[in-house]
Amino acid sequence: MKKSLLDVIFASGKRKNTLLLLREGSQEMKVLLQSMDTTRQALLPQLKILEENYLITRYGDTYELTPISKLIVNEMAPFVETLKVLDSNMDFWGERDLRFIPPELLDRIRELDPYQINEPAISNIHELNRDFTETSASSKCMCAVTNIFHPNFMELFALWTGNKVKITMVISEDLYNKLKTQNRDDFQQLLDNEYIRFKLYSKPFDFVYFALNDRCLLITMLRKDGWYDNKELISFSRSAINWGRNLLEYYEHSSTPITSID
């Protein structure tokens, strides 16, 4: 009985990976072997199955996708990449409240790869990620959408603006009210700084914050039960930074500039 295409493609990691590797163009056998860290004896039977199901074509020792398999792989690749992002930290993703991510960006969650999940020690819970702090100081710009300010926020802003980093801060209404009542003088000083722009997002916040600079993206989310834990996602990939910029644009679009304290 002939196998279904789902079985042909996904029942073997070697067959699936072969198709994904050939998505970029034809490849010689030695390249496939190196990429999958396998042997010719182990790979040949899987290539034969792909050939028998009209998914690859062989020219000597070179393989390429067929027109049929190109249709499949172009749809398959984003799905596999999304699975990779979620599968490596399924407990983390399963526990997060993802409502703050618009559907069009949630569909592109694969762009966060590669990333890591950090869980700072309780003693460091009020400190901003060191990698993010340092890369922001050497970036041209730093942006954040946030419901909190860290206790040493004035020192951080002084560090960044001292290096002429352009800063965009989109803040929640709760944070705005806290700053103008509890930190009014400091807030006014920041508003007067030529390197800093503040915007107010008056809709509900379903997350803690996300921030990005020229070199990384940092996100701290709420759990589904509404509780905050100190787990943070950080990625240094170009695709993640671009994804973060699109998320920033989404929130900036619904925000209004803050030029003075009410």
C-alpha atoms as a PDB file:
ATOM      1  CA  MET A   1       0.000   0.000   0.000  1.00  0.00           C
ATOM      2  CA  LYS A   2       1.422   3.370  -1.019  1.00  0.00           C
ATOM      3  CA  LYS A   3       2.250   5.759   1.813  1.00  0.00           C
ATOM      4  CA  SER A   4       0.448   9.062   2.111  1.00  0.00           C
ATOM      5  CA  LEU A   5       2.502  12.154   1.376  1.00  0.00           C
ATOM      6  CA  LEU A   6       2.253  13.125   5.057  1.00  0.00           C
ATOM      7  CA  ASP A   7       3.939   9.864   5.998  1.00  0.00           C
ATOM      8  CA  VAL A   8       6.499  10.171   3.225  1.00  0.00           C
ATOM      9  CA  ILE A   9       7.526  13.640   4.375  1.00  0.00           C
ATOM     10  CA  PHE A  10       7.113  13.652   8.144  1.00  0.00           C
ATOM     11  CA  ALA A  11       7.624  10.032   9.216  1.00  0.00           C
ATOM     12  CA  SER A  12      11.348  10.413   8.601  1.00  0.00           C
ATOM     13  CA  GLY A  13      13.488  13.294   9.797  1.00  0.00           C
ATOM     14  CA  LYS A  14      15.962  12.627   6.990  1.00  0.00           C
ATOM     15  CA  ARG A  15      13.281  12.887   4.311  1.00  0.00           C
ATOM     16  CA  LYS A  16      11.836  16.046   5.814  1.00  0.00           C
ATOM     17  CA  ASN A  17      15.251  17.674   6.196  1.00  0.00           C
ATOM     18  CA  THR A  18      16.263  16.692   2.667  1.00  0.00           C
ATOM     19  CA  LEU A  19      13.266  18.522   1.231  1.00  0.00           C
ATOM     20  CA  LEU A  20      13.948  21.582   3.354  1.00  0.00           C
ATOM     21  CA  LEU A  21      17.613  21.638   2.323  1.00  0.00           C
ATOM     22  CA  LEU A  22      16.680  21.353  -1.363  1.00  0.00           C
ATOM     23  CA  ARG A  23      14.312  24.286  -1.019  1.00  0.00           C
ATOM     24  CA  GLU A  24      17.308  26.584  -1.625  1.00  0.00           C
ATOM     25  CA  GLY A  25      18.249  24.758  -4.828  1.00  0.00           C
ATOM     26  CA  SER A  26      19.852  21.558  -6.077  1.00  0.00           C
ATOM     27  CA  GLN A  27      22.487  19.963  -3.826  1.00  0.00           C
ATOM     28  CA  GLU A  28      25.129  17.294  -4.212  1.00  0.00           C
ATOM     29  CA  MET A  29      24.978  14.213  -2.034  1.00  0.00           C
ATOM     30  CA  LYS A  30      28.060  15.288  -0.050  1.00  0.00           C
ATOM     31  CA  VAL A  31      26.350  18.560   0.929  1.00  0.00           C
ATOM     32  CA  LEU A  32      23.244  16.706   2.127  1.00  0.00           C
ATOM     33  CA  LEU A  33      25.391  14.298   4.152  1.00  0.00           C
ATOM     34  CA  GLN A  34      27.340  17.121   5.782  1.00  0.00           C
ATOM     35  CA  SER A  35      24.240  19.179   6.547  1.00  0.00           C
ATOM     36  CA  MET A  36      22.440  16.248   8.201  1.00  0.00           C
ATOM     37  CA  ASP A  37      25.571  14.687   9.728  1.00  0.00           C
ATOM     38  CA  THR A  38      24.684  11.253   8.388  1.00  0.00           C
ATOM     39  CA  THR A  39      26.103   8.533   6.135  1.00  0.00           C
ATOM     40  CA  ARG A  40      25.401   7.664   2.519  1.00  0.00           C
ATOM     41  CA  GLN A  41      24.144   4.228   3.590  1.00  0.00           C
ATOM     42  CA  ALA A  42      21.601   5.790   5.964  1.00  0.00           C
ATOM     43  CA  LEU A  43      20.410   8.487   3.570  1.00  0.00           C
ATOM     44  CA  LEU A  44      20.127   6.612   0.277  1.00  0.00           C
ATOM     45  CA  PRO A  45      17.001   4.567   1.226  1.00  0.00           C
ATOM     46  CA  GLN A  46      15.233   7.792   2.268  1.00  0.00           C
ATOM     47  CA  LEU A  47      16.174   9.519  -0.981  1.00  0.00           C
ATOM     48  CA  LYS A  48      14.841   6.539  -2.913  1.00  0.00           C
ATOM     49  CA  ILE A  49      11.464   6.888  -1.168  1.00  0.00           C
ATOM     50  CA  LEU A  50      11.369  10.585  -2.067  1.00  0.00           C
ATOM     51  CA  GLU A  51      12.188   9.753  -5.692  1.00  0.00           C
ATOM     52  CA  GLU A  52       9.517   7.050  -5.858  1.00  0.00           C
ATOM     53  CA  ASN A  53       6.948   9.568  -4.646  1.00  0.00           C
ATOM     54  CA  TYR A  54       7.979  12.180  -7.255  1.00  0.00           C
ATOM     55  CA  LEU A  55       9.317  14.599  -4.641  1.00  0.00           C
ATOM     56  CA  ILE A  56      12.944  14.779  -5.784  1.00  0.00           C
ATOM     57  CA  THR A  57      14.863  14.227  -8.993  1.00  0.00           C
ATOM     58  CA  ARG A  58      18.420  12.906  -9.227  1.00  0.00           C
ATOM     59  CA  TYR A  59      21.018  13.919 -11.787  1.00  0.00           C
ATOM     60  CA  GLY A  60      24.095  11.789 -11.114  1.00  0.00           C
ATOM     61  CA  ASP A  61      25.016  12.643  -7.511  1.00  0.00           C
ATOM     62  CA  THR A  62      22.920  15.831  -7.417  1.00  0.00           C
ATOM     63  CA  TYR A  63      19.333  16.113  -6.170  1.00  0.00           C
ATOM     64  CA  GLU A  64      16.650  18.752  -6.601  1.00  0.00           C
ATOM     65  CA  LEU A  65      12.964  19.263  -5.849  1.00  0.00           C
ATOM     66  CA  THR A  66      10.318  18.454  -8.418  1.00  0.00           C
ATOM     67  CA  PRO A  67       7.672  21.065  -9.341  1.00  0.00           C
ATOM     68  CA  ILE A  68       5.184  19.156  -7.162  1.00  0.00           C
ATOM     69  CA  SER A  69       7.434  19.131  -4.108  1.00  0.00           C
ATOM     70  CA  LYS A  70       8.223  22.833  -4.489  1.00  0.00           C
ATOM     71  CA  LEU A  71       4.536  23.549  -3.932  1.00  0.00           C
ATOM     72  CA  ILE A  72       4.581  21.416  -0.798  1.00  0.00           C
ATOM     73  CA  VAL A  73       7.890  22.621   0.643  1.00  0.00           C
ATOM     74  CA  ASN A  74       7.046  26.303   0.207  1.00  0.00           C
ATOM     75  CA  GLU A  75       4.054  25.706   2.497  1.00  0.00           C
ATOM     76  CA  MET A  76       5.874  23.228   4.733  1.00  0.00           C
ATOM     77  CA  ALA A  77       8.899  25.360   5.624  1.00  0.00           C
ATOM     78  CA  PRO A  78       7.040  28.060   7.643  1.00  0.00           C
ATOM     79  CA  PHE A  79       5.095  25.324   9.467  1.00  0.00           C
ATOM     80  CA  VAL A  80       8.274  23.435  10.401  1.00  0.00           C
ATOM     81  CA  GLU A  81      10.001  26.656  11.478  1.00  0.00           C
ATOM     82  CA  THR A  82       7.026  27.555  13.692  1.00  0.00           C
ATOM     83  CA  LEU A  83       7.105  24.097  15.274  1.00  0.00           C
ATOM     84  CA  LYS A  84      10.816  24.547  15.964  1.00  0.00           C
ATOM     85  CA  VAL A  85      10.226  27.815  17.824  1.00  0.00           C
ATOM     86  CA  LEU A  86       7.391  26.407  19.934  1.00  0.00           C
ATOM     87  CA  ASP A  87       8.643  22.872  20.494  1.00  0.00           C
ATOM     88  CA  SER A  88      11.936  23.911  22.084  1.00  0.00           C
ATOM     89  CA  ASN A  89      10.085  25.723  24.930  1.00  0.00           C
ATOM     90  CA  MET A  90       6.500  24.470  24.795  1.00  0.00           C
ATOM     91  CA  ASP A  91       5.893  24.932  28.527  1.00  0.00           C
ATOM     92  CA  PHE A  92       6.913  28.571  28.261  1.00  0.00           C
ATOM     93  CA  TRP A  93       4.692  29.292  25.251  1.00  0.00           C
ATOM     94  CA  GLY A  94       1.789  27.262  26.615  1.00  0.00           C
ATOM     95  CA  GLU A  95       1.755  29.311  29.819  1.00  0.00           C
ATOM     96  CA  ARG A  96       2.028  32.756  28.181  1.00  0.00           C
ATOM     97  CA  ASP A  97      -0.777  35.199  27.445  1.00  0.00           C
ATOM     98  CA  LEU A  98      -0.150  35.940  23.764  1.00  0.00           C
ATOM     99  CA  ARG A  99      -3.099  38.262  23.194  1.00  0.00           C
ATOM    100  CA  PHE A 100      -0.816  41.297  22.968  1.00  0.00           C
ATOM    101  CA  ILE A 101       0.625  39.986  19.694  1.00  0.00           C
ATOM    102  CA  PRO A 102      -1.553  40.911  16.676  1.00  0.00           C
ATOM    103  CA  PRO A 103      -2.609  37.910  14.522  1.00  0.00           C
ATOM    104  CA  GLU A 104      -0.428  38.871  11.566  1.00  0.00           C
ATOM    105  CA  LEU A 105       2.670  38.845  13.801  1.00  0.00           C
ATOM    106  CA  LEU A 106       1.637  35.734  15.709  1.00  0.00           C
ATOM    107  CA  ASP A 107       1.570  33.995  12.322  1.00  0.00           C
ATOM    108  CA  ARG A 108       5.226  35.025  11.980  1.00  0.00           C
ATOM    109  CA  ILE A 109       6.348  33.828  15.422  1.00  0.00           C
ATOM    110  CA  ARG A 110       8.932  31.626  13.683  1.00  0.00           C
ATOM    111  CA  GLU A 111      10.948  34.787  12.998  1.00  0.00           C
ATOM    112  CA  LEU A 112      12.006  34.905  16.659  1.00  0.00           C
ATOM    113  CA  ASP A 113      14.304  31.925  16.106  1.00  0.00           C
ATOM    114  CA  PRO A 114      16.956  31.531  17.391  1.00  0.00           C
ATOM    115  CA  TYR A 115      16.089  32.775  20.867  1.00  0.00           C
ATOM    116  CA  GLN A 116      16.652  31.853  24.474  1.00  0.00           C
ATOM    117  CA  ILE A 117      14.532  31.954  27.611  1.00  0.00           C
ATOM    118  CA  ASN A 118      16.237  33.437  30.657  1.00  0.00           C
ATOM    119  CA  GLU A 119      15.022  33.228  34.244  1.00  0.00           C
ATOM    120  CA  PRO A 120      16.978  35.764  36.298  1.00  0.00           C
ATOM    121  CA  ALA A 121      17.612  35.027  39.960  1.00  0.00           C
ATOM    122  CA  ILE A 122      15.175  36.614  42.398  1.00  0.00           C
ATOM    123  CA  SER A 123      17.966  38.909  43.601  1.00  0.00           C
ATOM    124  CA  ASN A 124      18.222  40.327  40.058  1.00  0.00           C
ATOM    125  CA  ILE A 125      14.515  40.551  39.324  1.00  0.00           C
ATOM    126  CA  HIS A 126      14.528  44.375  39.296  1.00  0.00           C
ATOM    127  CA  GLU A 127      17.534  44.637  36.981  1.00  0.00           C
ATOM    128  CA  LEU A 128      17.177  44.965  33.224  1.00  0.00           C
ATOM    129  CA  ASN A 129      18.856  42.233  31.201  1.00  0.00           C
ATOM    130  CA  ARG A 130      22.596  42.982  31.066  1.00  0.00           C
ATOM    131  CA  ASP A 131      22.934  41.993  27.393  1.00  0.00           C
ATOM    132  CA  PHE A 132      20.119  44.346  26.471  1.00  0.00           C
ATOM    133  CA  THR A 133      21.519  47.198  28.563  1.00  0.00           C
ATOM    134  CA  GLU A 134      24.975  46.896  27.020  1.00  0.00           C
ATOM    135  CA  THR A 135      23.817  46.482  23.429  1.00  0.00           C
ATOM    136  CA  SER A 136      21.473  49.453  23.836  1.00  0.00           C
ATOM    137  CA  ALA A 137      24.398  51.634  24.909  1.00  0.00           C
ATOM    138  CA  SER A 138      26.155  50.871  21.631  1.00  0.00           C
ATOM    139  CA  SER A 139      23.052  51.114  19.408  1.00  0.00           C
ATOM    140  CA  LYS A 140      21.783  54.042  17.383  1.00  0.00           C
ATOM    141  CA  CYS A 141      18.295  53.620  18.793  1.00  0.00           C
ATOM    142  CA  MET A 142      16.410  51.819  21.549  1.00  0.00           C
ATOM    143  CA  CYS A 143      12.631  51.385  21.691  1.00  0.00           C
ATOM    144  CA  ALA A 144      10.280  49.919  24.271  1.00  0.00           C
ATOM    145  CA  VAL A 145       6.587  49.408  24.932  1.00  0.00           C
ATOM    146  CA  THR A 146       6.256  49.011  28.651  1.00  0.00           C
ATOM    147  CA  ASN A 147       4.007  48.916  31.695  1.00  0.00           C
ATOM    148  CA  ILE A 148       6.926  49.262  34.150  1.00  0.00           C
ATOM    149  CA  PHE A 149      10.133  51.216  34.708  1.00  0.00           C
ATOM    150  CA  HIS A 150      13.033  49.608  36.502  1.00  0.00           C
ATOM    151  CA  PRO A 151      14.067  51.303  39.765  1.00  0.00           C
ATOM    152  CA  ASN A 152      17.318  52.590  38.237  1.00  0.00           C
ATOM    153  CA  PHE A 153      15.641  53.909  35.086  1.00  0.00           C
ATOM    154  CA  MET A 154      17.229  57.366  35.359  1.00  0.00           C
ATOM    155  CA  GLU A 155      20.723  55.838  35.376  1.00  0.00           C
ATOM    156  CA  LEU A 156      19.861  53.726  32.326  1.00  0.00           C
ATOM    157  CA  PHE A 157      18.486  56.676  30.395  1.00  0.00           C
ATOM    158  CA  ALA A 158      21.558  58.722  31.325  1.00  0.00           C
ATOM    159  CA  LEU A 159      23.821  55.941  30.047  1.00  0.00           C
ATOM    160  CA  TRP A 160      21.978  55.653  26.739  1.00  0.00           C
ATOM    161  CA  THR A 161      21.434  59.323  26.008  1.00  0.00           C
ATOM    162  CA  GLY A 162      25.041  60.010  27.021  1.00  0.00           C
ATOM    163  CA  ASN A 163      25.957  57.829  24.037  1.00  0.00           C
ATOM    164  CA  LYS A 164      23.455  59.740  21.868  1.00  0.00           C
ATOM    165  CA  VAL A 165      21.119  56.767  21.583  1.00  0.00           C
ATOM    166  CA  LYS A 166      17.714  57.813  20.227  1.00  0.00           C
ATOM    167  CA  ILE A 167      14.998  56.422  22.502  1.00  0.00           C
ATOM    168  CA  THR A 168      11.304  55.827  21.866  1.00  0.00           C
ATOM    169  CA  MET A 169       9.171  54.848  24.873  1.00  0.00           C
ATOM    170  CA  VAL A 170       5.531  53.804  24.508  1.00  0.00           C
ATOM    171  CA  ILE A 171       4.108  53.613  28.023  1.00  0.00           C
ATOM    172  CA  SER A 172       0.843  52.457  29.558  1.00  0.00           C
ATOM    173  CA  GLU A 173      -1.619  54.806  31.184  1.00  0.00           C
ATOM    174  CA  ASP A 174      -0.879  53.250  34.585  1.00  0.00           C
ATOM    175  CA  LEU A 175       2.835  53.908  34.185  1.00  0.00           C
ATOM    176  CA  TYR A 176       2.178  57.434  32.948  1.00  0.00           C
ATOM    177  CA  ASN A 177       0.069  58.211  36.022  1.00  0.00           C
ATOM    178  CA  LYS A 178       2.741  56.743  38.300  1.00  0.00           C
ATOM    179  CA  LEU A 179       5.522  58.762  36.699  1.00  0.00           C
ATOM    180  CA  LYS A 180       3.678  62.076  36.863  1.00  0.00           C
ATOM    181  CA  THR A 181       2.699  61.592  40.517  1.00  0.00           C
ATOM    182  CA  GLN A 182       5.654  59.726  42.040  1.00  0.00           C
ATOM    183  CA  ASN A 183       8.529  60.696  39.720  1.00  0.00           C
ATOM    184  CA  ARG A 184       7.341  63.993  38.285  1.00  0.00           C
ATOM    185  CA  ASP A 185      10.682  65.822  38.255  1.00  0.00           C
ATOM    186  CA  ASP A 186      12.559  62.861  36.762  1.00  0.00           C
ATOM    187  CA  PHE A 187       9.820  62.362  34.182  1.00  0.00           C
ATOM    188  CA  GLN A 188       9.938  66.017  33.174  1.00  0.00           C
ATOM    189  CA  GLN A 189      13.697  65.758  32.797  1.00  0.00           C
ATOM    190  CA  LEU A 190      13.242  62.841  30.413  1.00  0.00           C
ATOM    191  CA  LEU A 191      10.562  64.676  28.441  1.00  0.00           C
ATOM    192  CA  ASP A 192      12.955  67.594  28.017  1.00  0.00           C
ATOM    193  CA  ASN A 193      15.737  65.357  26.669  1.00  0.00           C
ATOM    194  CA  GLU A 194      16.234  65.772  22.917  1.00  0.00           C
ATOM    195  CA  TYR A 195      17.077  62.093  22.472  1.00  0.00           C
ATOM    196  CA  ILE A 196      13.870  60.723  24.037  1.00  0.00           C
ATOM    197  CA  ARG A 197      10.317  60.508  22.683  1.00  0.00           C
ATOM    198  CA  PHE A 198       7.442  59.382  24.906  1.00  0.00           C
ATOM    199  CA  LYS A 199       4.102  58.111  23.665  1.00  0.00           C
ATOM    200  CA  LEU A 200       1.004  57.068  25.589  1.00  0.00           C
ATOM    201  CA  TYR A 201      -0.812  53.812  24.866  1.00  0.00           C
ATOM    202  CA  SER A 202      -4.155  54.127  26.637  1.00  0.00           C
ATOM    203  CA  LYS A 203      -5.581  50.700  25.769  1.00  0.00           C
ATOM    204  CA  PRO A 204      -5.241  47.718  28.153  1.00  0.00           C
ATOM    205  CA  PHE A 205      -1.800  46.118  28.505  1.00  0.00           C
ATOM    206  CA  ASP A 206      -1.725  42.308  28.380  1.00  0.00           C
ATOM    207  CA  PHE A 207       2.031  42.020  28.863  1.00  0.00           C
ATOM    208  CA  VAL A 208       4.842  43.525  30.941  1.00  0.00           C
ATOM    209  CA  TYR A 209       7.141  44.998  28.290  1.00  0.00           C
ATOM    210  CA  PHE A 210       9.076  44.399  25.130  1.00  0.00           C
ATOM    211  CA  ALA A 211      12.134  46.332  24.047  1.00  0.00           C
ATOM    212  CA  LEU A 212      14.525  46.299  21.128  1.00  0.00           C
ATOM    213  CA  ASN A 213      17.681  47.965  19.952  1.00  0.00           C
ATOM    214  CA  ASP A 214      19.931  47.563  16.927  1.00  0.00           C
ATOM    215  CA  ARG A 215      21.137  44.150  18.089  1.00  0.00           C
ATOM    216  CA  CYS A 216      18.470  42.357  20.118  1.00  0.00           C
ATOM    217  CA  LEU A 217      14.834  41.965  21.122  1.00  0.00           C
ATOM    218  CA  LEU A 218      13.738  41.410  24.733  1.00  0.00           C
ATOM    219  CA  ILE A 219      10.201  40.404  25.779  1.00  0.00           C
ATOM    220  CA  THR A 220       8.653  39.765  29.191  1.00  0.00           C
ATOM    221  CA  MET A 221       5.105  38.410  29.027  1.00  0.00           C
ATOM    222  CA  LEU A 222       2.338  37.704  31.507  1.00  0.00           C
ATOM    223  CA  ARG A 223       1.158  34.176  32.162  1.00  0.00           C
ATOM    224  CA  LYS A 224      -2.339  33.140  31.150  1.00  0.00           C
ATOM    225  CA  ASP A 225      -3.460  33.341  34.786  1.00  0.00           C
ATOM    226  CA  GLY A 226      -2.465  37.015  34.846  1.00  0.00           C
ATOM    227  CA  TRP A 227       0.585  36.469  37.044  1.00  0.00           C
ATOM    228  CA  TYR A 228       4.059  37.776  36.277  1.00  0.00           C
ATOM    229  CA  ASP A 229       7.108  35.572  36.495  1.00  0.00           C
ATOM    230  CA  ASN A 230      10.652  36.638  35.735  1.00  0.00           C
ATOM    231  CA  LYS A 231      11.125  34.607  32.561  1.00  0.00           C
ATOM    232  CA  GLU A 232      12.240  36.668  29.586  1.00  0.00           C
ATOM    233  CA  LEU A 233      12.739  35.923  25.925  1.00  0.00           C
ATOM    234  CA  ILE A 234      15.768  37.388  24.180  1.00  0.00           C
ATOM    235  CA  SER A 235      16.842  37.049  20.571  1.00  0.00           C
ATOM    236  CA  PHE A 236      19.763  38.506  18.642  1.00  0.00           C
ATOM    237  CA  SER A 237      18.581  37.417  15.186  1.00  0.00           C
ATOM    238  CA  ARG A 238      17.913  39.996  12.471  1.00  0.00           C
ATOM    239  CA  SER A 239      14.515  38.433  11.778  1.00  0.00           C
ATOM    240  CA  ALA A 240      13.520  38.818  15.453  1.00  0.00           C
ATOM    241  CA  ILE A 241      14.604  42.462  15.537  1.00  0.00           C
ATOM    242  CA  ASN A 242      12.561  43.144  12.383  1.00  0.00           C
ATOM    243  CA  TRP A 243       9.603  41.319  13.963  1.00  0.00           C
ATOM    244  CA  GLY A 244      10.014  43.489  17.057  1.00  0.00           C
ATOM    245  CA  ARG A 245      10.018  46.656  14.948  1.00  0.00           C
ATOM    246  CA  ASN A 246       6.731  45.600  13.367  1.00  0.00           C
ATOM    247  CA  LEU A 247       5.288  44.983  16.846  1.00  0.00           C
ATOM    248  CA  LEU A 248       6.473  48.416  17.938  1.00  0.00           C
ATOM    249  CA  GLU A 249       4.811  50.001  14.887  1.00  0.00           C
ATOM    250  CA  TYR A 250       1.554  48.283  15.826  1.00  0.00           C
ATOM    251  CA  TYR A 251       1.567  49.903  19.288  1.00  0.00           C
ATOM    252  CA  GLU A 252       2.889  53.246  18.097  1.00  0.00           C
ATOM    253  CA  HIS A 253       0.021  53.471  15.633  1.00  0.00           C
ATOM    254  CA  SER A 254      -2.459  53.509  18.539  1.00  0.00           C
ATOM    255  CA  SER A 255      -0.420  55.845  20.761  1.00  0.00           C
ATOM    256  CA  THR A 256      -0.308  59.599  21.201  1.00  0.00           C
ATOM    257  CA  PRO A 257       2.826  61.714  21.806  1.00  0.00           C
ATOM    258  CA  ILE A 258       3.510  62.951  25.343  1.00  0.00           C
ATOM    259  CA  THR A 259       5.065  66.425  25.190  1.00  0.00           C
ATOM    260  CA  SER A 260       4.159  67.710  28.643  1.00  0.00           C
ATOM    261  CA  ILE A 261       2.819  66.440  31.971  1.00  0.00           C
ATOM    262  CA  ASP A 262      -0.914  67.035  32.485  1.00  0.00           C
END
